[in-house]
Protein backbone atom coordinates (compact mmCIF):
# COMPACT_ATOMS: atom_id res chain seq x y z
CA MET A 1 0.00 0.00 0.00
CA ALA A 2 1.14 3.52 -0.78
CA TYR A 3 -0.27 6.71 0.63
CA GLY A 4 -2.58 4.61 2.83
CA MET A 5 -4.48 3.07 -0.10
CA ARG A 6 -4.35 0.07 -2.39
CA THR A 7 -2.08 0.73 -5.33
CA TYR A 8 -0.92 -1.06 -8.42
CA GLN A 9 2.68 -0.30 -9.24
CA PHE A 10 4.98 -0.78 -12.18
CA GLY A 11 8.70 -0.28 -11.85
CA GLY A 12 8.23 0.74 -8.22
CA LEU A 13 5.93 3.66 -9.12
CA PRO A 14 2.19 3.68 -8.37
CA GLU A 15 0.11 3.90 -11.55
CA VAL A 16 -3.41 3.17 -10.28
CA ALA A 17 -4.87 3.36 -6.80
CA PHE A 18 -8.24 3.27 -5.16
CA ALA A 19 -9.59 4.19 -1.76
CA LYS A 20 -12.88 4.34 0.06
CA GLN A 21 -13.40 7.78 1.55
CA PHE A 22 -16.20 8.80 3.90
CA ARG A 23 -18.50 10.11 1.17
CA TYR A 24 -17.09 8.64 -2.02
CA LEU A 25 -14.93 6.03 -3.71
CA SER A 26 -11.75 7.39 -5.28
CA LEU A 27 -9.99 6.00 -8.32
CA TYR A 28 -6.54 7.45 -8.97
CA ILE A 29 -5.05 7.30 -12.46
CA ALA A 30 -1.44 8.45 -12.12
CA LYS A 31 -0.82 8.94 -15.84
CA LYS A 32 -2.14 12.38 -16.68
CA ASP A 33 -2.37 11.74 -20.44
CA VAL A 34 -4.78 8.85 -19.86
CA LEU A 35 -7.07 10.78 -17.53
CA ASP A 36 -7.00 13.90 -19.72
CA ALA A 37 -8.06 11.85 -22.76
CA HIS A 38 -11.27 10.87 -20.94
CA ARG A 39 -12.26 14.05 -19.13
CA ALA A 40 -15.28 14.54 -21.41
CA ASP A 41 -16.45 10.99 -20.57
CA LEU A 42 -16.19 11.83 -16.86
CA ARG A 43 -18.38 14.94 -17.05
CA GLY A 44 -20.72 15.19 -14.07
CA LEU A 45 -18.25 13.52 -11.71
CA SER A 46 -15.80 15.15 -9.35
CA VAL A 47 -12.47 14.84 -11.18
CA GLY A 48 -9.17 16.26 -9.99
CA LYS A 49 -5.63 16.20 -11.35
CA GLY A 50 -5.45 12.42 -11.10
CA CYS A 51 -8.49 11.45 -9.07
CA ILE A 52 -12.03 10.43 -10.02
CA ARG A 53 -14.54 10.58 -7.13
CA TYR A 54 -17.69 8.48 -7.32
CA GLN A 55 -20.37 9.44 -4.78
CA ARG A 56 -22.66 6.53 -5.67
CA PRO A 57 -21.77 3.05 -6.98
CA GLU A 58 -24.19 3.39 -9.90
CA GLN A 59 -22.07 6.30 -11.22
CA ILE A 60 -19.22 3.93 -12.04
CA ASP A 61 -18.99 3.18 -15.75
CA TRP A 62 -17.14 -0.12 -15.63
CA VAL A 63 -16.41 -0.12 -19.37
CA LEU A 64 -14.74 3.29 -19.02
CA VAL A 65 -12.79 2.09 -15.97
CA GLU A 66 -11.57 -0.86 -18.03
CA HIS A 67 -10.43 1.52 -20.80
CA LEU A 68 -8.63 3.72 -18.26
CA LEU A 69 -6.81 0.73 -16.79
CA ASN A 70 -5.84 -0.69 -20.20
CA GLN A 71 -4.60 2.67 -21.43
CA THR A 72 -2.61 3.16 -18.23
CA VAL A 73 -0.78 -0.09 -18.96
CA ASP A 74 -0.18 0.91 -22.59
CA SER A 75 0.90 4.51 -21.86
CA ALA A 76 4.62 5.27 -21.99
CA ALA A 77 4.15 8.40 -19.84
CA ARG A 78 5.64 8.53 -16.36
CA PRO A 79 3.19 8.55 -13.47
CA CYS A 80 2.77 11.96 -11.86
């Protein structure tokens, strides 16, 4: 675990993480290019620099999450 949450690392650097907060579930995508490419798809959600916050489970678009994870693996960018 890194930063107190479950993380998936590659080369010793966290690339994806998730955490349950008090009022939401957070998904962290550490490769900015991947998250930026999908900002329009995430409209209506609370999205930060590398964090997507889901307030309700039904907000989670599992197909989009799968695309984010696959593109994170394929991206040559360094995690931020």
